[in-house]
N, C-alpha and C. Protein backbone atom coordinates (compact mmCIF):
# COMPACT_ATOMS: atom_id res chain seq x y z
N MET A 1 0.85 -1.18 0.00
CA MET A 1 0.00 0.00 0.00
C MET A 1 0.89 1.23 0.00
N HIS A 2 0.66 2.10 -0.95
CA HIS A 2 1.45 3.33 -1.08
C HIS A 2 0.54 4.53 -0.96
N LEU A 3 1.01 5.53 -0.25
CA LEU A 3 0.24 6.76 -0.11
C LEU A 3 0.56 7.69 -1.27
N THR A 4 -0.47 8.23 -1.85
CA THR A 4 -0.27 9.19 -2.94
C THR A 4 -0.06 10.58 -2.35
N SER A 5 0.28 11.51 -3.22
CA SER A 5 0.48 12.89 -2.75
C SER A 5 -0.83 13.47 -2.24
N LEU A 6 -1.96 13.06 -2.79
CA LEU A 6 -3.26 13.52 -2.29
C LEU A 6 -3.49 13.04 -0.86
N ASP A 7 -3.15 11.77 -0.59
CA ASP A 7 -3.28 11.23 0.76
C ASP A 7 -2.43 12.03 1.75
N LEU A 8 -1.19 12.27 1.40
CA LEU A 8 -0.29 13.02 2.28
C LEU A 8 -0.77 14.45 2.48
N THR A 9 -1.33 15.05 1.44
CA THR A 9 -1.86 16.41 1.56
C THR A 9 -3.03 16.45 2.51
N VAL A 10 -3.93 15.48 2.41
CA VAL A 10 -5.09 15.43 3.31
C VAL A 10 -4.63 15.25 4.76
N VAL A 11 -3.66 14.37 4.99
CA VAL A 11 -3.15 14.16 6.35
C VAL A 11 -2.49 15.43 6.87
N ALA A 12 -1.71 16.10 6.03
CA ALA A 12 -1.04 17.34 6.45
C ALA A 12 -2.05 18.44 6.78
N ILE A 13 -3.07 18.60 5.95
CA ILE A 13 -4.11 19.61 6.21
C ILE A 13 -4.85 19.28 7.50
N TYR A 14 -5.14 18.01 7.70
CA TYR A 14 -5.82 17.59 8.94
C TYR A 14 -4.96 17.90 10.16
N ALA A 15 -3.67 17.59 10.09
CA ALA A 15 -2.78 17.84 11.23
C ALA A 15 -2.66 19.33 11.53
N VAL A 16 -2.54 20.15 10.51
CA VAL A 16 -2.45 21.60 10.71
C VAL A 16 -3.75 22.15 11.28
N ALA A 17 -4.88 21.70 10.74
CA ALA A 17 -6.17 22.15 11.25
C ALA A 17 -6.37 21.73 12.70
N LEU A 18 -5.98 20.50 13.03
CA LEU A 18 -6.11 20.02 14.40
C LEU A 18 -5.24 20.83 15.36
N LEU A 19 -4.03 21.14 14.94
CA LEU A 19 -3.14 21.96 15.76
C LEU A 19 -3.71 23.36 15.96
N PHE A 20 -4.24 23.94 14.89
CA PHE A 20 -4.83 25.28 14.97
C PHE A 20 -6.04 25.29 15.92
N ILE A 21 -6.92 24.32 15.78
CA ILE A 21 -8.10 24.25 16.63
C ILE A 21 -7.70 24.04 18.09
N ALA A 22 -6.72 23.18 18.33
CA ALA A 22 -6.27 22.93 19.71
C ALA A 22 -5.69 24.20 20.33
N GLN A 23 -4.91 24.94 19.56
CA GLN A 23 -4.35 26.19 20.09
C GLN A 23 -5.45 27.21 20.36
N TRP A 24 -6.43 27.29 19.48
CA TRP A 24 -7.52 28.26 19.64
C TRP A 24 -8.38 27.91 20.86
N VAL A 25 -8.69 26.62 21.02
CA VAL A 25 -9.54 26.19 22.13
C VAL A 25 -8.83 26.33 23.47
N SER A 26 -7.52 26.10 23.49
CA SER A 26 -6.80 26.09 24.76
C SER A 26 -6.28 27.46 25.19
N ARG A 27 -6.65 28.50 24.47
CA ARG A 27 -6.18 29.83 24.86
C ARG A 27 -6.74 30.19 26.24
N GLU A 28 -5.99 30.99 26.95
CA GLU A 28 -6.36 31.30 28.34
C GLU A 28 -6.61 32.78 28.53
N LYS A 29 -7.36 33.05 29.57
CA LYS A 29 -7.55 34.43 29.98
C LYS A 29 -6.27 34.90 30.67
N ALA A 30 -5.99 36.18 30.60
CA ALA A 30 -4.78 36.73 31.21
C ALA A 30 -4.83 36.52 32.73
N GLY A 31 -3.73 36.03 33.30
CA GLY A 31 -3.64 35.86 34.74
C GLY A 31 -4.23 34.57 35.27
N HIS A 32 -4.79 33.72 34.41
CA HIS A 32 -5.40 32.47 34.87
C HIS A 32 -4.32 31.42 35.09
N LYS A 33 -4.30 30.82 36.26
CA LYS A 33 -3.35 29.76 36.57
C LYS A 33 -4.08 28.42 36.54
N LYS A 34 -3.58 27.48 35.75
CA LYS A 34 -4.24 26.18 35.60
C LYS A 34 -4.03 25.31 36.84
N ASP A 35 -5.04 24.48 37.13
CA ASP A 35 -4.95 23.51 38.20
C ASP A 35 -5.64 22.22 37.76
N THR A 36 -5.87 21.30 38.69
CA THR A 36 -6.46 20.01 38.32
C THR A 36 -7.90 20.16 37.82
N LYS A 37 -8.61 21.18 38.27
CA LYS A 37 -9.97 21.38 37.76
C LYS A 37 -9.95 21.70 36.27
N ASP A 38 -8.94 22.44 35.83
CA ASP A 38 -8.83 22.74 34.40
C ASP A 38 -8.53 21.48 33.61
N TYR A 39 -7.67 20.63 34.15
CA TYR A 39 -7.28 19.43 33.41
C TYR A 39 -8.41 18.39 33.38
N PHE A 40 -8.97 18.08 34.54
CA PHE A 40 -9.97 17.02 34.60
C PHE A 40 -11.39 17.48 34.32
N LEU A 41 -11.70 18.73 34.59
CA LEU A 41 -13.07 19.22 34.43
C LEU A 41 -13.20 20.34 33.40
N ALA A 42 -12.13 20.63 32.68
CA ALA A 42 -12.11 21.71 31.68
C ALA A 42 -12.57 23.03 32.28
N GLY A 43 -12.15 23.26 33.51
CA GLY A 43 -12.51 24.51 34.17
C GLY A 43 -14.00 24.66 34.43
N ARG A 44 -14.71 23.55 34.41
CA ARG A 44 -16.18 23.53 34.61
C ARG A 44 -16.92 24.41 33.58
N SER A 45 -16.39 24.46 32.37
CA SER A 45 -16.97 25.35 31.37
C SER A 45 -17.60 24.61 30.19
N LEU A 46 -17.60 23.29 30.19
CA LEU A 46 -18.15 22.55 29.06
C LEU A 46 -19.66 22.39 29.18
N PRO A 47 -20.37 22.44 28.05
CA PRO A 47 -21.81 22.15 28.09
C PRO A 47 -22.05 20.65 28.28
N TRP A 48 -23.28 20.29 28.62
CA TRP A 48 -23.61 18.91 28.93
C TRP A 48 -23.34 17.97 27.77
N TRP A 49 -23.60 18.42 26.53
CA TRP A 49 -23.43 17.54 25.38
C TRP A 49 -21.95 17.24 25.13
N ALA A 50 -21.06 18.19 25.43
CA ALA A 50 -19.63 17.95 25.25
C ALA A 50 -19.12 16.95 26.29
N ILE A 51 -19.65 17.03 27.50
CA ILE A 51 -19.26 16.08 28.54
C ILE A 51 -19.74 14.68 28.18
N GLY A 52 -20.97 14.57 27.70
CA GLY A 52 -21.50 13.27 27.29
C GLY A 52 -20.72 12.68 26.13
N ALA A 53 -20.38 13.51 25.14
CA ALA A 53 -19.58 13.03 24.01
C ALA A 53 -18.20 12.59 24.48
N SER A 54 -17.65 13.28 25.46
CA SER A 54 -16.34 12.91 26.00
C SER A 54 -16.41 11.56 26.70
N LEU A 55 -17.48 11.31 27.45
CA LEU A 55 -17.64 10.01 28.12
C LEU A 55 -17.72 8.87 27.11
N ILE A 56 -18.50 9.08 26.07
CA ILE A 56 -18.64 8.04 25.04
C ILE A 56 -17.33 7.84 24.30
N ALA A 57 -16.65 8.94 23.95
CA ALA A 57 -15.37 8.82 23.24
C ALA A 57 -14.32 8.13 24.09
N ALA A 58 -14.31 8.39 25.39
CA ALA A 58 -13.35 7.74 26.27
C ALA A 58 -13.68 6.25 26.44
N ASN A 59 -14.94 5.89 26.27
CA ASN A 59 -15.36 4.50 26.42
C ASN A 59 -15.07 3.68 25.16
N ILE A 60 -14.90 4.34 24.03
CA ILE A 60 -14.67 3.64 22.77
C ILE A 60 -13.19 3.74 22.43
N SER A 61 -12.60 2.60 22.10
CA SER A 61 -11.19 2.58 21.74
C SER A 61 -10.95 1.47 20.74
N ALA A 62 -9.69 1.23 20.43
CA ALA A 62 -9.37 0.18 19.46
C ALA A 62 -9.82 -1.19 19.95
N GLU A 63 -9.80 -1.39 21.27
CA GLU A 63 -10.25 -2.69 21.78
C GLU A 63 -11.72 -2.93 21.42
N GLN A 64 -12.53 -1.88 21.53
CA GLN A 64 -13.94 -2.03 21.20
C GLN A 64 -14.13 -2.22 19.70
N ILE A 65 -13.42 -1.42 18.92
CA ILE A 65 -13.61 -1.50 17.47
C ILE A 65 -13.16 -2.85 16.94
N ILE A 66 -12.01 -3.30 17.37
CA ILE A 66 -11.48 -4.57 16.86
C ILE A 66 -12.05 -5.75 17.65
N GLY A 67 -11.97 -5.67 18.97
CA GLY A 67 -12.40 -6.79 19.80
C GLY A 67 -13.88 -7.08 19.74
N MET A 68 -14.69 -6.03 19.80
CA MET A 68 -16.14 -6.24 19.76
C MET A 68 -16.59 -6.76 18.40
N SER A 69 -15.93 -6.33 17.34
CA SER A 69 -16.29 -6.85 16.01
C SER A 69 -15.99 -8.34 15.94
N GLY A 70 -14.81 -8.74 16.44
CA GLY A 70 -14.47 -10.16 16.43
C GLY A 70 -15.38 -10.97 17.32
N GLN A 71 -15.69 -10.43 18.48
CA GLN A 71 -16.59 -11.12 19.41
C GLN A 71 -17.99 -11.21 18.82
N GLY A 72 -18.43 -10.16 18.14
CA GLY A 72 -19.74 -10.20 17.49
C GLY A 72 -19.79 -11.28 16.41
N PHE A 73 -18.70 -11.46 15.71
CA PHE A 73 -18.64 -12.51 14.69
C PHE A 73 -18.73 -13.89 15.32
N VAL A 74 -18.08 -14.06 16.48
CA VAL A 74 -18.04 -15.37 17.13
C VAL A 74 -19.36 -15.69 17.83
N VAL A 75 -19.88 -14.76 18.64
CA VAL A 75 -21.05 -15.07 19.46
C VAL A 75 -22.33 -14.42 18.97
N GLY A 76 -22.26 -13.56 17.99
CA GLY A 76 -23.46 -12.92 17.48
C GLY A 76 -23.73 -11.60 18.18
N MET A 77 -24.95 -11.13 18.07
CA MET A 77 -25.31 -9.82 18.59
C MET A 77 -25.41 -9.75 20.11
N ALA A 78 -25.23 -10.87 20.79
CA ALA A 78 -25.32 -10.86 22.25
C ALA A 78 -24.26 -9.95 22.87
N ILE A 79 -23.15 -9.76 22.18
CA ILE A 79 -22.09 -8.90 22.71
C ILE A 79 -22.54 -7.45 22.78
N ALA A 80 -23.55 -7.08 22.00
CA ALA A 80 -24.06 -5.70 22.03
C ALA A 80 -24.65 -5.36 23.40
N SER A 81 -25.12 -6.36 24.13
CA SER A 81 -25.68 -6.09 25.45
C SER A 81 -24.62 -5.52 26.39
N TYR A 82 -23.37 -5.86 26.16
CA TYR A 82 -22.27 -5.31 26.96
C TYR A 82 -22.22 -3.79 26.80
N GLU A 83 -22.31 -3.31 25.59
CA GLU A 83 -22.26 -1.87 25.36
C GLU A 83 -23.54 -1.17 25.82
N TRP A 84 -24.69 -1.82 25.69
CA TRP A 84 -25.93 -1.21 26.20
C TRP A 84 -25.85 -1.06 27.71
N MET A 85 -25.29 -2.05 28.38
CA MET A 85 -25.15 -1.95 29.84
C MET A 85 -24.12 -0.88 30.21
N ALA A 86 -23.08 -0.72 29.39
CA ALA A 86 -22.10 0.33 29.66
C ALA A 86 -22.76 1.70 29.56
N ALA A 87 -23.62 1.89 28.58
CA ALA A 87 -24.32 3.17 28.44
C ALA A 87 -25.23 3.42 29.63
N LEU A 88 -25.95 2.40 30.07
CA LEU A 88 -26.82 2.53 31.24
C LEU A 88 -26.00 2.85 32.49
N THR A 89 -24.87 2.19 32.64
CA THR A 89 -24.00 2.44 33.78
C THR A 89 -23.48 3.87 33.78
N LEU A 90 -23.08 4.37 32.62
CA LEU A 90 -22.61 5.75 32.53
C LEU A 90 -23.69 6.74 32.94
N ILE A 91 -24.93 6.47 32.57
CA ILE A 91 -26.03 7.35 32.95
C ILE A 91 -26.24 7.33 34.47
N ILE A 92 -26.21 6.15 35.06
CA ILE A 92 -26.39 6.03 36.51
C ILE A 92 -25.25 6.72 37.25
N VAL A 93 -24.03 6.49 36.83
CA VAL A 93 -22.88 7.12 37.48
C VAL A 93 -22.95 8.64 37.33
N GLY A 94 -23.30 9.11 36.13
CA GLY A 94 -23.40 10.55 35.90
C GLY A 94 -24.50 11.21 36.70
N LYS A 95 -25.59 10.51 36.90
CA LYS A 95 -26.73 11.10 37.61
C LYS A 95 -26.57 11.06 39.13
N TYR A 96 -26.06 9.94 39.67
CA TYR A 96 -26.06 9.76 41.11
C TYR A 96 -24.69 9.86 41.77
N LEU A 97 -23.65 9.32 41.16
CA LEU A 97 -22.35 9.31 41.81
C LEU A 97 -21.50 10.53 41.49
N LEU A 98 -21.56 11.01 40.27
CA LEU A 98 -20.73 12.15 39.88
C LEU A 98 -20.96 13.39 40.73
N PRO A 99 -22.20 13.76 41.05
CA PRO A 99 -22.38 14.92 41.92
C PRO A 99 -21.72 14.77 43.30
N VAL A 100 -21.70 13.55 43.83
CA VAL A 100 -21.05 13.32 45.12
C VAL A 100 -19.54 13.51 44.99
N PHE A 101 -18.97 12.95 43.93
CA PHE A 101 -17.53 13.11 43.71
C PHE A 101 -17.15 14.57 43.52
N LEU A 102 -17.93 15.29 42.75
CA LEU A 102 -17.62 16.71 42.51
C LEU A 102 -17.78 17.54 43.77
N LYS A 103 -18.76 17.20 44.59
CA LYS A 103 -18.97 17.91 45.85
C LYS A 103 -17.75 17.77 46.76
N HIS A 104 -17.15 16.58 46.77
CA HIS A 104 -15.98 16.32 47.60
C HIS A 104 -14.67 16.60 46.87
N GLU A 105 -14.77 17.19 45.68
CA GLU A 105 -13.61 17.54 44.85
C GLU A 105 -12.71 16.34 44.58
N ILE A 106 -13.36 15.24 44.20
CA ILE A 106 -12.64 14.03 43.80
C ILE A 106 -12.74 13.94 42.28
N TYR A 107 -11.57 13.96 41.63
CA TYR A 107 -11.54 13.99 40.17
C TYR A 107 -11.02 12.70 39.56
N THR A 108 -10.26 11.91 40.31
CA THR A 108 -9.71 10.66 39.79
C THR A 108 -9.92 9.54 40.81
N MET A 109 -9.89 8.30 40.32
CA MET A 109 -10.03 7.16 41.22
C MET A 109 -8.86 7.06 42.19
N PRO A 110 -7.61 7.25 41.76
CA PRO A 110 -6.52 7.22 42.76
C PRO A 110 -6.68 8.30 43.83
N GLN A 111 -7.19 9.46 43.47
CA GLN A 111 -7.42 10.52 44.46
C GLN A 111 -8.48 10.08 45.47
N PHE A 112 -9.53 9.42 45.00
CA PHE A 112 -10.56 8.90 45.90
C PHE A 112 -9.97 7.88 46.88
N LEU A 113 -9.16 6.97 46.35
CA LEU A 113 -8.58 5.95 47.21
C LEU A 113 -7.61 6.55 48.23
N GLU A 114 -6.91 7.60 47.84
CA GLU A 114 -6.01 8.25 48.79
C GLU A 114 -6.81 8.93 49.90
N GLN A 115 -7.92 9.56 49.55
CA GLN A 115 -8.74 10.20 50.58
C GLN A 115 -9.42 9.16 51.47
N ARG A 116 -9.83 8.06 50.89
CA ARG A 116 -10.54 7.02 51.64
C ARG A 116 -9.60 6.19 52.50
N TYR A 117 -8.42 5.85 51.94
CA TYR A 117 -7.47 5.00 52.67
C TYR A 117 -6.19 5.79 52.94
N ASP A 118 -5.18 5.61 52.11
CA ASP A 118 -3.95 6.40 52.26
C ASP A 118 -3.17 6.40 50.94
N HIS A 119 -2.00 7.04 50.94
CA HIS A 119 -1.24 7.21 49.70
C HIS A 119 -0.70 5.89 49.16
N ARG A 120 -0.50 4.88 50.03
CA ARG A 120 0.01 3.60 49.55
C ARG A 120 -0.99 2.91 48.63
N VAL A 121 -2.27 2.96 48.96
CA VAL A 121 -3.30 2.36 48.12
C VAL A 121 -3.36 3.08 46.78
N ARG A 122 -3.20 4.39 46.81
CA ARG A 122 -3.18 5.17 45.57
C ARG A 122 -2.04 4.71 44.67
N MET A 123 -0.86 4.51 45.23
CA MET A 123 0.29 4.09 44.44
C MET A 123 0.12 2.68 43.90
N VAL A 124 -0.45 1.79 44.70
CA VAL A 124 -0.69 0.41 44.22
C VAL A 124 -1.64 0.44 43.03
N LEU A 125 -2.73 1.18 43.14
CA LEU A 125 -3.69 1.26 42.05
C LEU A 125 -3.07 1.91 40.81
N ALA A 126 -2.33 2.99 41.00
CA ALA A 126 -1.70 3.66 39.86
C ALA A 126 -0.71 2.73 39.16
N THR A 127 0.06 1.97 39.92
CA THR A 127 1.00 1.02 39.33
C THR A 127 0.27 -0.10 38.60
N PHE A 128 -0.79 -0.60 39.19
CA PHE A 128 -1.60 -1.65 38.57
C PHE A 128 -2.19 -1.16 37.24
N TRP A 129 -2.77 0.04 37.23
CA TRP A 129 -3.36 0.58 36.01
C TRP A 129 -2.31 0.85 34.95
N LEU A 130 -1.13 1.26 35.36
CA LEU A 130 -0.06 1.47 34.40
C LEU A 130 0.30 0.15 33.73
N GLY A 131 0.40 -0.92 34.51
CA GLY A 131 0.67 -2.23 33.93
C GLY A 131 -0.45 -2.70 33.01
N CYS A 132 -1.69 -2.48 33.42
CA CYS A 132 -2.83 -2.87 32.58
C CYS A 132 -2.84 -2.10 31.27
N SER A 133 -2.59 -0.80 31.34
CA SER A 133 -2.63 -0.01 30.11
C SER A 133 -1.49 -0.39 29.18
N ARG A 134 -0.33 -0.75 29.71
CA ARG A 134 0.78 -1.20 28.87
C ARG A 134 0.41 -2.49 28.16
N SER A 135 -0.22 -3.43 28.87
CA SER A 135 -0.59 -4.69 28.23
C SER A 135 -1.71 -4.46 27.23
N THR A 136 -2.61 -3.55 27.51
CA THR A 136 -3.69 -3.25 26.58
C THR A 136 -3.13 -2.65 25.29
N ILE A 137 -2.15 -1.77 25.43
CA ILE A 137 -1.53 -1.17 24.25
C ILE A 137 -0.84 -2.24 23.42
N ARG A 138 -0.17 -3.17 24.08
CA ARG A 138 0.49 -4.25 23.33
C ARG A 138 -0.53 -5.10 22.58
N VAL A 139 -1.61 -5.47 23.24
CA VAL A 139 -2.64 -6.28 22.59
C VAL A 139 -3.26 -5.53 21.43
N THR A 140 -3.49 -4.23 21.61
CA THR A 140 -4.10 -3.43 20.56
C THR A 140 -3.19 -3.35 19.34
N ARG A 141 -1.90 -3.36 19.57
CA ARG A 141 -0.96 -3.32 18.43
C ARG A 141 -0.82 -4.67 17.77
N ILE A 142 -0.91 -5.76 18.52
CA ILE A 142 -0.71 -7.09 17.97
C ILE A 142 -1.96 -7.60 17.27
N ARG A 143 -3.12 -7.34 17.83
CA ARG A 143 -4.38 -7.90 17.32
C ARG A 143 -4.64 -7.59 15.85
N PRO A 144 -4.45 -6.35 15.38
CA PRO A 144 -4.68 -6.11 13.94
C PRO A 144 -3.76 -6.93 13.04
N SER A 145 -2.52 -7.16 13.46
CA SER A 145 -1.62 -7.95 12.63
C SER A 145 -2.08 -9.41 12.57
N LEU A 146 -2.66 -9.92 13.64
CA LEU A 146 -3.18 -11.28 13.62
C LEU A 146 -4.39 -11.39 12.72
N LEU A 147 -5.19 -10.33 12.67
CA LEU A 147 -6.38 -10.36 11.80
C LEU A 147 -6.03 -10.33 10.32
N GLN A 148 -4.84 -9.80 9.99
CA GLN A 148 -4.45 -9.68 8.58
C GLN A 148 -3.83 -10.95 8.04
N ARG A 149 -3.57 -11.92 8.88
CA ARG A 149 -2.97 -13.18 8.41
C ARG A 149 -3.90 -13.94 7.54
């Protein structure tokens, strides 16, 4: 497979446009100092539809696109119930648990565990998730090559 000059031009235009949009969106007011609320909550300035789209986008990844398609081929449409339950769970968490977390200024799961227990539990969880994400990345890179055989 070879990329033509048109393909490269489209990719270059996309990259420049994405960089421009990111710079425009991330501009700051004079004197504003960023903190964790800006990083995790976008400064509490996003509309509800952007937050919902962010939740769905964070829930969908290469594992879902590749893995769910393969699983759907093997077991049929029953695998779709997994995603329907995920959507229902996101609604319940957003309606009932998220306000409690925001009230207590808890933005991440390790932060919750540190407040609930201590810093050692936070470090164990962070290390565990780092290992899980590394293995997930490896599987995501290997799985497409296995499908092309």
